[in-house]
Amino acid sequence: MSTTDPRHYDVLISPIITEKATNASEQNKVVFKVARTATKPQIKDAVEKLFDVKVKAVNTLIRKGKTRAFKGRLGELQATKRAVVTLEEGHRIDVTTGL
């Protein structure tokens, strides 16, 4: 795959900006919402190519969908897959700016 391969954009859906993710950035970690079918090597490759950084480790988790009520009707939130990407020393990603 080349550096401008559009499949990288299919792997990484969006960065997750929460209080917990912001605290993790102090340890050189970035949290992304990723495709359910994405593997750790695919996530590592996509982050390295899109952001031009060196990835040290990738940890993934699947957040189960929850049942919520909206206007008296029950609905199910989708299960999502997240990736916590640890970067090598000296590399940073600013997720508040676009690509």
Protein backbone atom coordinates (compact mmCIF):
# COMPACT_ATOMS: atom_id res chain seq x y z
CA MET A 1 0.00 0.00 0.00
CA SER A 2 1.24 3.47 -0.80
CA THR A 3 1.26 6.44 1.56
CA THR A 4 -1.88 7.90 -0.04
CA ASP A 5 -3.81 4.63 0.02
CA PRO A 6 -7.50 5.41 0.69
CA ARG A 7 -7.86 2.14 2.64
CA HIS A 8 -6.07 3.79 5.57
CA TYR A 9 -9.06 6.11 5.94
CA ASP A 10 -11.37 3.06 6.13
CA VAL A 11 -9.39 1.67 9.08
CA LEU A 12 -9.34 4.83 11.23
CA ILE A 13 -12.82 6.29 11.60
CA SER A 14 -12.21 9.16 14.03
CA PRO A 15 -10.12 10.22 17.01
CA ILE A 16 -11.80 9.95 20.41
CA ILE A 17 -11.55 13.14 22.44
CA THR A 18 -12.65 12.47 26.01
CA GLU A 19 -11.21 13.33 29.39
CA LYS A 20 -9.70 9.86 29.69
CA ALA A 21 -8.18 10.04 26.19
CA THR A 22 -6.75 13.48 26.93
CA ASN A 23 -5.11 12.16 30.10
CA ALA A 24 -3.67 9.23 28.08
CA SER A 25 -2.02 11.71 25.69
CA GLU A 26 0.33 12.65 28.52
CA GLN A 27 1.77 9.11 28.28
CA ASN A 28 2.19 9.51 24.49
CA LYS A 29 -1.04 7.59 23.69
CA VAL A 30 -3.79 8.44 21.20
CA VAL A 31 -7.26 6.83 21.10
CA PHE A 32 -9.07 6.19 17.80
CA LYS A 33 -12.43 4.74 16.84
CA VAL A 34 -11.59 2.06 14.26
CA ALA A 35 -13.43 -0.31 11.94
CA ARG A 36 -14.72 -3.48 13.61
CA THR A 37 -12.76 -5.62 11.13
CA ALA A 38 -9.46 -3.75 11.57
CA THR A 39 -6.50 -5.72 12.91
CA LYS A 40 -3.64 -4.37 15.02
CA PRO A 41 -1.12 -4.45 12.12
CA GLN A 42 -3.60 -2.59 9.88
CA ILE A 43 -4.18 0.06 12.56
CA LYS A 44 -0.43 0.47 13.12
CA ASP A 45 0.22 0.83 9.39
CA ALA A 46 -2.60 3.35 8.93
CA VAL A 47 -1.45 5.56 11.83
CA GLU A 48 2.19 5.47 10.70
CA LYS A 49 1.33 6.35 7.09
CA LEU A 50 -1.35 9.00 7.74
CA PHE A 51 0.35 10.88 10.59
CA ASP A 52 4.03 10.18 9.73
CA VAL A 53 4.86 8.87 13.23
CA LYS A 54 6.42 5.72 14.67
CA VAL A 55 4.03 3.43 16.59
CA LYS A 56 5.31 1.49 19.58
CA ALA A 57 2.17 -0.56 20.42
CA VAL A 58 -1.52 -0.93 19.58
CA ASN A 59 -4.13 -2.12 22.08
CA THR A 60 -7.73 -2.67 20.98
CA LEU A 61 -11.01 -3.00 22.83
CA ILE A 62 -14.64 -3.44 21.84
CA ARG A 63 -17.11 -1.29 23.73
CA LYS A 64 -20.42 -3.14 23.94
CA GLY A 65 -23.57 -1.39 22.75
CA LYS A 66 -25.90 -0.22 25.47
CA THR A 67 -29.69 -0.02 25.64
CA ARG A 68 -30.98 3.56 25.86
CA ALA A 69 -34.45 5.08 25.99
CA PHE A 70 -35.24 8.01 23.71
CA LYS A 71 -38.71 9.57 23.85
CA GLY A 72 -40.09 6.47 25.52
CA ARG A 73 -38.68 4.04 22.97
CA LEU A 74 -35.89 1.63 23.69
CA GLY A 75 -32.98 1.54 21.31
CA GLU A 76 -29.58 -0.10 21.16
CA LEU A 77 -26.36 1.86 20.69
CA GLN A 78 -23.87 0.22 18.35
CA ALA A 79 -20.85 -1.63 19.67
CA THR A 80 -17.66 0.19 18.69
CA LYS A 81 -14.03 -0.84 18.43
CA ARG A 82 -11.39 1.47 19.84
CA ALA A 83 -7.63 1.42 19.50
CA VAL A 84 -5.19 2.89 22.01
CA VAL A 85 -2.05 3.67 20.03
CA THR A 86 1.21 4.19 21.94
CA LEU A 87 3.74 6.32 20.06
CA GLU A 88 7.53 6.17 20.25
CA GLU A 89 9.32 8.86 22.25
CA GLY A 90 9.57 12.15 20.38
CA HIS A 91 6.51 11.50 18.17
CA ARG A 92 3.21 13.32 18.70
CA ILE A 93 -0.21 13.51 17.08
CA ASP A 94 -2.42 16.56 17.58
CA VAL A 95 -5.94 15.15 17.10
CA THR A 96 -7.57 18.56 17.45
CA THR A 97 -6.36 19.54 13.95
CA GLY A 98 -7.36 17.93 10.67
CA LEU A 99 -5.17 15.86 8.37
